[in-house]
Amino acid sequence: FLNTPAYGSHDPTVMIAIFFPLFFGIVVGDIGIGLL
């Protein structure tokens, strides 16, 4: 919804897929909230 990468440029999807949930887990770090 922000931007479609230009043809031949870099698609950040894999970087986001690896690090966004990891960063979220580092920030939240709570079993109960994770279960919710």
ModelCIF file with pLDDT and N, C-alpha, C, O atoms, coordinates in Angstrom:
data_MODEL
#
_entry.id   MODEL 
#
_entity.id                         1 
_entity.type                       polymer 
_entity.pdbx_number_of_molecules   1 
#
_entity_poly.entity_id                      1 
_entity_poly.type                           'polypeptide(L)' 
_entity_poly.nstd_linkage                   no 
_entity_poly.nstd_monomer                   no 
_entity_poly.pdbx_seq_one_letter_code       FLNTPAYGSHDPTVMIAIFFPLFFGIVVGDIGIGLL 
_entity_poly.pdbx_seq_one_letter_code_can   FLNTPAYGSHDPTVMIAIFFPLFFGIVVGDIGIGLL 
_entity_poly.pdbx_strand_id                 A 
#
loop_
_entity_poly_seq.entity_id 
_entity_poly_seq.num 
_entity_poly_seq.mon_id 
_entity_poly_seq.hetero 
1 1  PHE n 
1 2  LEU n 
1 3  ASN n 
1 4  THR n 
1 5  PRO n 
1 6  ALA n 
1 7  TYR n 
1 8  GLY n 
1 9  SER n 
1 10 HIS n 
1 11 ASP n 
1 12 PRO n 
1 13 THR n 
1 14 VAL n 
1 15 MET n 
1 16 ILE n 
1 17 ALA n 
1 18 ILE n 
1 19 PHE n 
1 20 PHE n 
1 21 PRO n 
1 22 LEU n 
1 23 PHE n 
1 24 PHE n 
1 25 GLY n 
1 26 ILE n 
1 27 VAL n 
1 28 VAL n 
1 29 GLY n 
1 30 ASP n 
1 31 ILE n 
1 32 GLY n 
1 33 ILE n 
1 34 GLY n 
1 35 LEU n 
1 36 LEU n 
#
_struct_asym.id          A 
_struct_asym.entity_id   1 
#
loop_
_ma_qa_metric.id 
_ma_qa_metric.mode 
_ma_qa_metric.name 
_ma_qa_metric.software_group_id 
_ma_qa_metric.type 
1 global pLDDT . pLDDT 
2 local  pLDDT . pLDDT 
#
_ma_qa_metric_global.metric_id      1 
_ma_qa_metric_global.metric_value   91.81 
_ma_qa_metric_global.model_id       1 
_ma_qa_metric_global.ordinal_id     1 
#
loop_
_ma_qa_metric_local.label_asym_id 
_ma_qa_metric_local.label_comp_id 
_ma_qa_metric_local.label_seq_id 
_ma_qa_metric_local.metric_id 
_ma_qa_metric_local.metric_value 
_ma_qa_metric_local.model_id 
_ma_qa_metric_local.ordinal_id 
A PHE 1  2 80.00 1 1  
A LEU 2  2 84.00 1 2  
A ASN 3  2 85.00 1 3  
A THR 4  2 85.00 1 4  
A PRO 5  2 87.00 1 5  
A ALA 6  2 84.00 1 6  
A TYR 7  2 84.00 1 7  
A GLY 8  2 82.00 1 8  
A SER 9  2 87.00 1 9  
A HIS 10 2 89.00 1 10 
A ASP 11 2 91.00 1 11 
A PRO 12 2 93.00 1 12 
A THR 13 2 93.00 1 13 
A VAL 14 2 94.00 1 14 
A MET 15 2 95.00 1 15 
A ILE 16 2 95.00 1 16 
A ALA 17 2 95.00 1 17 
A ILE 18 2 95.00 1 18 
A PHE 19 2 96.00 1 19 
A PHE 20 2 96.00 1 20 
A PRO 21 2 96.00 1 21 
A LEU 22 2 96.00 1 22 
A PHE 23 2 96.00 1 23 
A PHE 24 2 95.00 1 24 
A GLY 25 2 96.00 1 25 
A ILE 26 2 95.00 1 26 
A VAL 27 2 95.00 1 27 
A VAL 28 2 94.00 1 28 
A GLY 29 2 93.00 1 29 
A ASP 30 2 94.00 1 30 
A ILE 31 2 95.00 1 31 
A GLY 32 2 93.00 1 32 
A ILE 33 2 93.00 1 33 
A GLY 34 2 95.00 1 34 
A LEU 35 2 95.00 1 35 
A LEU 36 2 94.00 1 36 
#
loop_
_atom_site.group_PDB 
_atom_site.id 
_atom_site.type_symbol 
_atom_site.label_atom_id 
_atom_site.label_alt_id 
_atom_site.label_comp_id 
_atom_site.label_asym_id 
_atom_site.label_entity_id 
_atom_site.label_seq_id 
_atom_site.pdbx_PDB_ins_code 
_atom_site.Cartn_x 
_atom_site.Cartn_y 
_atom_site.Cartn_z 
_atom_site.occupancy 
_atom_site.B_iso_or_equiv 
_atom_site.pdbx_formal_charge 
_atom_site.auth_seq_id 
_atom_site.auth_comp_id 
_atom_site.auth_asym_id 
_atom_site.auth_atom_id 
_atom_site.pdbx_PDB_model_num 
ATOM 1   N N  . PHE A 1 1  ? 0.818  -1.213  0.000   1.00 80.00 ? 1  PHE A N  1 
ATOM 2   C CA . PHE A 1 1  ? 0.000  0.000   0.000   1.00 80.00 ? 1  PHE A CA 1 
ATOM 3   C C  . PHE A 1 1  ? 0.855  1.268   0.000   1.00 80.00 ? 1  PHE A C  1 
ATOM 4   O O  . PHE A 1 1  ? 0.339  2.360   -0.239  1.00 80.00 ? 1  PHE A O  1 
ATOM 5   N N  . LEU A 1 2  ? 2.157  1.135   0.266   1.00 84.00 ? 2  LEU A N  1 
ATOM 6   C CA . LEU A 1 2  ? 3.050  2.292   0.246   1.00 84.00 ? 2  LEU A CA 1 
ATOM 7   C C  . LEU A 1 2  ? 3.631  2.531   -1.137  1.00 84.00 ? 2  LEU A C  1 
ATOM 8   O O  . LEU A 1 2  ? 3.677  3.664   -1.616  1.00 84.00 ? 2  LEU A O  1 
ATOM 9   N N  . ASN A 1 3  ? 4.073  1.455   -1.774  1.00 85.00 ? 3  ASN A N  1 
ATOM 10  C CA . ASN A 1 3  ? 4.759  1.603   -3.059  1.00 85.00 ? 3  ASN A CA 1 
ATOM 11  C C  . ASN A 1 3  ? 4.942  0.233   -3.684  1.00 85.00 ? 3  ASN A C  1 
ATOM 12  O O  . ASN A 1 3  ? 5.110  -0.767  -2.986  1.00 85.00 ? 3  ASN A O  1 
ATOM 13  N N  . THR A 1 4  ? 4.907  0.201   -5.000  1.00 85.00 ? 4  THR A N  1 
ATOM 14  C CA . THR A 1 4  ? 5.290  -0.998  -5.741  1.00 85.00 ? 4  THR A CA 1 
ATOM 15  C C  . THR A 1 4  ? 6.719  -0.790  -6.235  1.00 85.00 ? 4  THR A C  1 
ATOM 16  O O  . THR A 1 4  ? 6.985  0.214   -6.897  1.00 85.00 ? 4  THR A O  1 
ATOM 17  N N  . PRO A 1 5  ? 7.644  -1.696  -5.941  1.00 87.00 ? 5  PRO A N  1 
ATOM 18  C CA . PRO A 1 5  ? 9.030  -1.490  -6.380  1.00 87.00 ? 5  PRO A CA 1 
ATOM 19  C C  . PRO A 1 5  ? 9.101  -1.295  -7.896  1.00 87.00 ? 5  PRO A C  1 
ATOM 20  O O  . PRO A 1 5  ? 8.390  -1.962  -8.647  1.00 87.00 ? 5  PRO A O  1 
ATOM 21  N N  . ALA A 1 6  ? 9.947  -0.394  -8.329  1.00 84.00 ? 6  ALA A N  1 
ATOM 22  C CA . ALA A 1 6  ? 10.153 -0.204  -9.767  1.00 84.00 ? 6  ALA A CA 1 
ATOM 23  C C  . ALA A 1 6  ? 10.756 -1.469  -10.366 1.00 84.00 ? 6  ALA A C  1 
ATOM 24  O O  . ALA A 1 6  ? 11.452 -2.220  -9.683  1.00 84.00 ? 6  ALA A O  1 
ATOM 25  N N  . TYR A 1 7  ? 10.485 -1.696  -11.645 1.00 84.00 ? 7  TYR A N  1 
ATOM 26  C CA . TYR A 1 7  ? 10.988 -2.900  -12.316 1.00 84.00 ? 7  TYR A CA 1 
ATOM 27  C C  . TYR A 1 7  ? 12.518 -2.903  -12.275 1.00 84.00 ? 7  TYR A C  1 
ATOM 28  O O  . TYR A 1 7  ? 13.159 -1.919  -12.644 1.00 84.00 ? 7  TYR A O  1 
ATOM 29  N N  . GLY A 1 8  ? 13.085 -4.001  -11.829 1.00 82.00 ? 8  GLY A N  1 
ATOM 30  C CA . GLY A 1 8  ? 14.535 -4.126  -11.754 1.00 82.00 ? 8  GLY A CA 1 
ATOM 31  C C  . GLY A 1 8  ? 15.130 -3.612  -10.464 1.00 82.00 ? 8  GLY A C  1 
ATOM 32  O O  . GLY A 1 8  ? 16.340 -3.713  -10.261 1.00 82.00 ? 8  GLY A O  1 
ATOM 33  N N  . SER A 1 9  ? 14.288 -3.048  -9.564  1.00 87.00 ? 9  SER A N  1 
ATOM 34  C CA . SER A 1 9  ? 14.812 -2.586  -8.273  1.00 87.00 ? 9  SER A CA 1 
ATOM 35  C C  . SER A 1 9  ? 14.663 -3.693  -7.235  1.00 87.00 ? 9  SER A C  1 
ATOM 36  O O  . SER A 1 9  ? 14.391 -4.842  -7.582  1.00 87.00 ? 9  SER A O  1 
ATOM 37  N N  . HIS A 1 10 ? 14.839 -3.351  -5.982  1.00 89.00 ? 10 HIS A N  1 
ATOM 38  C CA . HIS A 1 10 ? 14.838 -4.370  -4.917  1.00 89.00 ? 10 HIS A CA 1 
ATOM 39  C C  . HIS A 1 10 ? 13.467 -4.461  -4.264  1.00 89.00 ? 10 HIS A C  1 
ATOM 40  O O  . HIS A 1 10 ? 12.864 -3.443  -3.923  1.00 89.00 ? 10 HIS A O  1 
ATOM 41  N N  . ASP A 1 11 ? 12.987 -5.664  -4.095  1.00 91.00 ? 11 ASP A N  1 
ATOM 42  C CA . ASP A 1 11 ? 11.725 -5.934  -3.401  1.00 91.00 ? 11 ASP A CA 1 
ATOM 43  C C  . ASP A 1 11 ? 12.051 -6.254  -1.937  1.00 91.00 ? 11 ASP A C  1 
ATOM 44  O O  . ASP A 1 11 ? 12.748 -7.233  -1.670  1.00 91.00 ? 11 ASP A O  1 
ATOM 45  N N  . PRO A 1 12 ? 11.558 -5.446  -0.981  1.00 93.00 ? 12 PRO A N  1 
ATOM 46  C CA . PRO A 1 12 ? 11.937 -5.660  0.431   1.00 93.00 ? 12 PRO A CA 1 
ATOM 47  C C  . PRO A 1 12 ? 11.107 -6.719  1.148   1.00 93.00 ? 12 PRO A C  1 
ATOM 48  O O  . PRO A 1 12 ? 11.214 -6.855  2.367   1.00 93.00 ? 12 PRO A O  1 
ATOM 49  N N  . THR A 1 13 ? 10.284 -7.470  0.423   1.00 93.00 ? 13 THR A N  1 
ATOM 50  C CA . THR A 1 13 ? 9.351  -8.386  1.084   1.00 93.00 ? 13 THR A CA 1 
ATOM 51  C C  . THR A 1 13 ? 10.062 -9.392  1.980   1.00 93.00 ? 13 THR A C  1 
ATOM 52  O O  . THR A 1 13 ? 9.665  -9.576  3.131   1.00 93.00 ? 13 THR A O  1 
ATOM 53  N N  . VAL A 1 14 ? 11.106 -10.047 1.474   1.00 94.00 ? 14 VAL A N  1 
ATOM 54  C CA . VAL A 1 14 ? 11.773 -11.089 2.263   1.00 94.00 ? 14 VAL A CA 1 
ATOM 55  C C  . VAL A 1 14 ? 12.402 -10.485 3.517   1.00 94.00 ? 14 VAL A C  1 
ATOM 56  O O  . VAL A 1 14 ? 12.331 -11.078 4.594   1.00 94.00 ? 14 VAL A O  1 
ATOM 57  N N  . MET A 1 15 ? 13.013 -9.318  3.383   1.00 95.00 ? 15 MET A N  1 
ATOM 58  C CA . MET A 1 15 ? 13.591 -8.656  4.555   1.00 95.00 ? 15 MET A CA 1 
ATOM 59  C C  . MET A 1 15 ? 12.511 -8.365  5.591   1.00 95.00 ? 15 MET A C  1 
ATOM 60  O O  . MET A 1 15 ? 12.715 -8.581  6.786   1.00 95.00 ? 15 MET A O  1 
ATOM 61  N N  . ILE A 1 16 ? 11.355 -7.872  5.126   1.00 95.00 ? 16 ILE A N  1 
ATOM 62  C CA . ILE A 1 16 ? 10.248 -7.591  6.048   1.00 95.00 ? 16 ILE A CA 1 
ATOM 63  C C  . ILE A 1 16 ? 9.726  -8.883  6.662   1.00 95.00 ? 16 ILE A C  1 
ATOM 64  O O  . ILE A 1 16 ? 9.436  -8.938  7.857   1.00 95.00 ? 16 ILE A O  1 
ATOM 65  N N  . ALA A 1 17 ? 9.608  -9.927  5.833   1.00 95.00 ? 17 ALA A N  1 
ATOM 66  C CA . ALA A 1 17 ? 9.070  -11.200 6.322   1.00 95.00 ? 17 ALA A CA 1 
ATOM 67  C C  . ALA A 1 17 ? 9.966  -11.810 7.400   1.00 95.00 ? 17 ALA A C  1 
ATOM 68  O O  . ALA A 1 17 ? 9.472  -12.440 8.335   1.00 95.00 ? 17 ALA A O  1 
ATOM 69  N N  . ILE A 1 18 ? 11.267 -11.624 7.273   1.00 95.00 ? 18 ILE A N  1 
ATOM 70  C CA . ILE A 1 18 ? 12.191 -12.188 8.269   1.00 95.00 ? 18 ILE A CA 1 
ATOM 71  C C  . ILE A 1 18 ? 12.212 -11.339 9.533   1.00 95.00 ? 18 ILE A C  1 
ATOM 72  O O  . ILE A 1 18 ? 12.118 -11.862 10.644  1.00 95.00 ? 18 ILE A O  1 
ATOM 73  N N  . PHE A 1 19 ? 12.335 -10.028 9.357   1.00 96.00 ? 19 PHE A N  1 
ATOM 74  C CA . PHE A 1 19 ? 12.651 -9.188  10.508  1.00 96.00 ? 19 PHE A CA 1 
ATOM 75  C C  . PHE A 1 19 ? 11.436 -8.572  11.194  1.00 96.00 ? 19 PHE A C  1 
ATOM 76  O O  . PHE A 1 19 ? 11.497 -8.315  12.396  1.00 96.00 ? 19 PHE A O  1 
ATOM 77  N N  . PHE A 1 20 ? 10.329 -8.324  10.482  1.00 96.00 ? 20 PHE A N  1 
ATOM 78  C CA . PHE A 1 20 ? 9.198  -7.702  11.170  1.00 96.00 ? 20 PHE A CA 1 
ATOM 79  C C  . PHE A 1 20 ? 8.664  -8.572  12.304  1.00 96.00 ? 20 PHE A C  1 
ATOM 80  O O  . PHE A 1 20 ? 8.562  -8.083  13.429  1.00 96.00 ? 20 PHE A O  1 
ATOM 81  N N  . PRO A 1 21 ? 8.319  -9.845  12.063  1.00 96.00 ? 21 PRO A N  1 
ATOM 82  C CA . PRO A 1 21 ? 7.839  -10.653 13.200  1.00 96.00 ? 21 PRO A CA 1 
ATOM 83  C C  . PRO A 1 21 ? 8.905  -10.873 14.258  1.00 96.00 ? 21 PRO A C  1 
ATOM 84  O O  . PRO A 1 21 ? 8.593  -10.965 15.445  1.00 96.00 ? 21 PRO A O  1 
ATOM 85  N N  . LEU A 1 22 ? 10.188 -10.959 13.830  1.00 96.00 ? 22 LEU A N  1 
ATOM 86  C CA . LEU A 1 22 ? 11.271 -11.108 14.799  1.00 96.00 ? 22 LEU A CA 1 
ATOM 87  C C  . LEU A 1 22 ? 11.353 -9.872  15.692  1.00 96.00 ? 22 LEU A C  1 
ATOM 88  O O  . LEU A 1 22 ? 11.435 -9.991  16.915  1.00 96.00 ? 22 LEU A O  1 
ATOM 89  N N  . PHE A 1 23 ? 11.331 -8.674  15.075  1.00 96.00 ? 23 PHE A N  1 
ATOM 90  C CA . PHE A 1 23 ? 11.376 -7.440  15.858  1.00 96.00 ? 23 PHE A CA 1 
ATOM 91  C C  . PHE A 1 23 ? 10.157 -7.334  16.776  1.00 96.00 ? 23 PHE A C  1 
ATOM 92  O O  . PHE A 1 23 ? 10.278 -6.929  17.932  1.00 96.00 ? 23 PHE A O  1 
ATOM 93  N N  . PHE A 1 24 ? 8.994  -7.695  16.261  1.00 95.00 ? 24 PHE A N  1 
ATOM 94  C CA . PHE A 1 24 ? 7.786  -7.664  17.083  1.00 95.00 ? 24 PHE A CA 1 
ATOM 95  C C  . PHE A 1 24 ? 7.955  -8.577  18.296  1.00 95.00 ? 24 PHE A C  1 
ATOM 96  O O  . PHE A 1 24 ? 7.595  -8.204  19.412  1.00 95.00 ? 24 PHE A O  1 
ATOM 97  N N  . GLY A 1 25 ? 8.497  -9.759  18.077  1.00 96.00 ? 25 GLY A N  1 
ATOM 98  C CA . GLY A 1 25 ? 8.712  -10.687 19.183  1.00 96.00 ? 25 GLY A CA 1 
ATOM 99  C C  . GLY A 1 25 ? 9.681  -10.142 20.202  1.00 96.00 ? 25 GLY A C  1 
ATOM 100 O O  . GLY A 1 25 ? 9.463  -10.294 21.404  1.00 96.00 ? 25 GLY A O  1 
ATOM 101 N N  . ILE A 1 26 ? 10.767 -9.500  19.740  1.00 95.00 ? 26 ILE A N  1 
ATOM 102 C CA . ILE A 1 26 ? 11.750 -8.913  20.661  1.00 95.00 ? 26 ILE A CA 1 
ATOM 103 C C  . ILE A 1 26 ? 11.096 -7.820  21.504  1.00 95.00 ? 26 ILE A C  1 
ATOM 104 O O  . ILE A 1 26 ? 11.348 -7.722  22.705  1.00 95.00 ? 26 ILE A O  1 
ATOM 105 N N  . VAL A 1 27 ? 10.253 -6.996  20.868  1.00 95.00 ? 27 VAL A N  1 
ATOM 106 C CA . VAL A 1 27 ? 9.605  -5.898  21.581  1.00 95.00 ? 27 VAL A CA 1 
ATOM 107 C C  . VAL A 1 27 ? 8.568  -6.426  22.570  1.00 95.00 ? 27 VAL A C  1 
ATOM 108 O O  . VAL A 1 27 ? 8.576  -6.039  23.739  1.00 95.00 ? 27 VAL A O  1 
ATOM 109 N N  . VAL A 1 28 ? 7.674  -7.308  22.113  1.00 94.00 ? 28 VAL A N  1 
ATOM 110 C CA . VAL A 1 28 ? 6.587  -7.791  22.965  1.00 94.00 ? 28 VAL A CA 1 
ATOM 111 C C  . VAL A 1 28 ? 7.123  -8.760  24.007  1.00 94.00 ? 28 VAL A C  1 
ATOM 112 O O  . VAL A 1 28 ? 6.945  -8.537  25.205  1.00 94.00 ? 28 VAL A O  1 
ATOM 113 N N  . GLY A 1 29 ? 7.776  -9.834  23.572  1.00 93.00 ? 29 GLY A N  1 
ATOM 114 C CA . GLY A 1 29 ? 8.412  -10.780 24.489  1.00 93.00 ? 29 GLY A CA 1 
ATOM 115 C C  . GLY A 1 29 ? 7.519  -11.252 25.615  1.00 93.00 ? 29 GLY A C  1 
ATOM 116 O O  . GLY A 1 29 ? 7.938  -11.259 26.772  1.00 93.00 ? 29 GLY A O  1 
ATOM 117 N N  . ASP A 1 30 ? 6.299  -11.646 25.301  1.00 94.00 ? 30 ASP A N  1 
ATOM 118 C CA . ASP A 1 30 ? 5.358  -12.050 26.342  1.00 94.00 ? 30 ASP A CA 1 
ATOM 119 C C  . ASP A 1 30 ? 4.526  -13.223 25.828  1.00 94.00 ? 30 ASP A C  1 
ATOM 120 O O  . ASP A 1 30 ? 3.882  -13.127 24.784  1.00 94.00 ? 30 ASP A O  1 
ATOM 121 N N  . ILE A 1 31 ? 4.547  -14.323 26.568  1.00 95.00 ? 31 ILE A N  1 
ATOM 122 C CA . ILE A 1 31 ? 3.826  -15.518 26.133  1.00 95.00 ? 31 ILE A CA 1 
ATOM 123 C C  . ILE A 1 31 ? 2.325  -15.256 26.065  1.00 95.00 ? 31 ILE A C  1 
ATOM 124 O O  . ILE A 1 31 ? 1.668  -15.660 25.106  1.00 95.00 ? 31 ILE A O  1 
ATOM 125 N N  . GLY A 1 32 ? 1.784  -14.588 27.067  1.00 93.00 ? 32 GLY A N  1 
ATOM 126 C CA . GLY A 1 32 ? 0.347  -14.334 27.110  1.00 93.00 ? 32 GLY A CA 1 
ATOM 127 C C  . GLY A 1 32 ? -0.122 -13.492 25.941  1.00 93.00 ? 32 GLY A C  1 
ATOM 128 O O  . GLY A 1 32 ? -1.113 -13.825 25.292  1.00 93.00 ? 32 GLY A O  1 
ATOM 129 N N  . ILE A 1 33 ? 0.592  -12.388 25.662  1.00 93.00 ? 33 ILE A N  1 
ATOM 130 C CA . ILE A 1 33 ? 0.214  -11.529 24.541  1.00 93.00 ? 33 ILE A CA 1 
ATOM 131 C C  . ILE A 1 33 ? 0.395  -12.285 23.230  1.00 93.00 ? 33 ILE A C  1 
ATOM 132 O O  . ILE A 1 33 ? -0.408 -12.132 22.309  1.00 93.00 ? 33 ILE A O  1 
ATOM 133 N N  . GLY A 1 34 ? 1.450  -13.101 23.140  1.00 95.00 ? 34 GLY A N  1 
ATOM 134 C CA . GLY A 1 34 ? 1.650  -13.920 21.949  1.00 95.00 ? 34 GLY A CA 1 
ATOM 135 C C  . GLY A 1 34 ? 0.479  -14.860 21.713  1.00 95.00 ? 34 GLY A C  1 
ATOM 136 O O  . GLY A 1 34 ? 0.044  -15.043 20.576  1.00 95.00 ? 34 GLY A O  1 
ATOM 137 N N  . LEU A 1 35 ? -0.034 -15.458 22.791  1.00 95.00 ? 35 LEU A N  1 
ATOM 138 C CA . LEU A 1 35 ? -1.184 -16.360 22.654  1.00 95.00 ? 35 LEU A CA 1 
ATOM 139 C C  . LEU A 1 35 ? -2.430 -15.594 22.202  1.00 95.00 ? 35 LEU A C  1 
ATOM 140 O O  . LEU A 1 35 ? -3.230 -16.124 21.432  1.00 95.00 ? 35 LEU A O  1 
ATOM 141 N N  . LEU A 1 36 ? -2.605 -14.352 22.672  1.00 94.00 ? 36 LEU A N  1 
ATOM 142 C CA . LEU A 1 36 ? -3.735 -13.541 22.220  1.00 94.00 ? 36 LEU A CA 1 
ATOM 143 C C  . LEU A 1 36 ? -3.630 -13.259 20.722  1.00 94.00 ? 36 LEU A C  1 
ATOM 144 O O  . LEU A 1 36 ? -4.494 -12.588 20.158  1.00 94.00 ? 36 LEU A O  1 
#
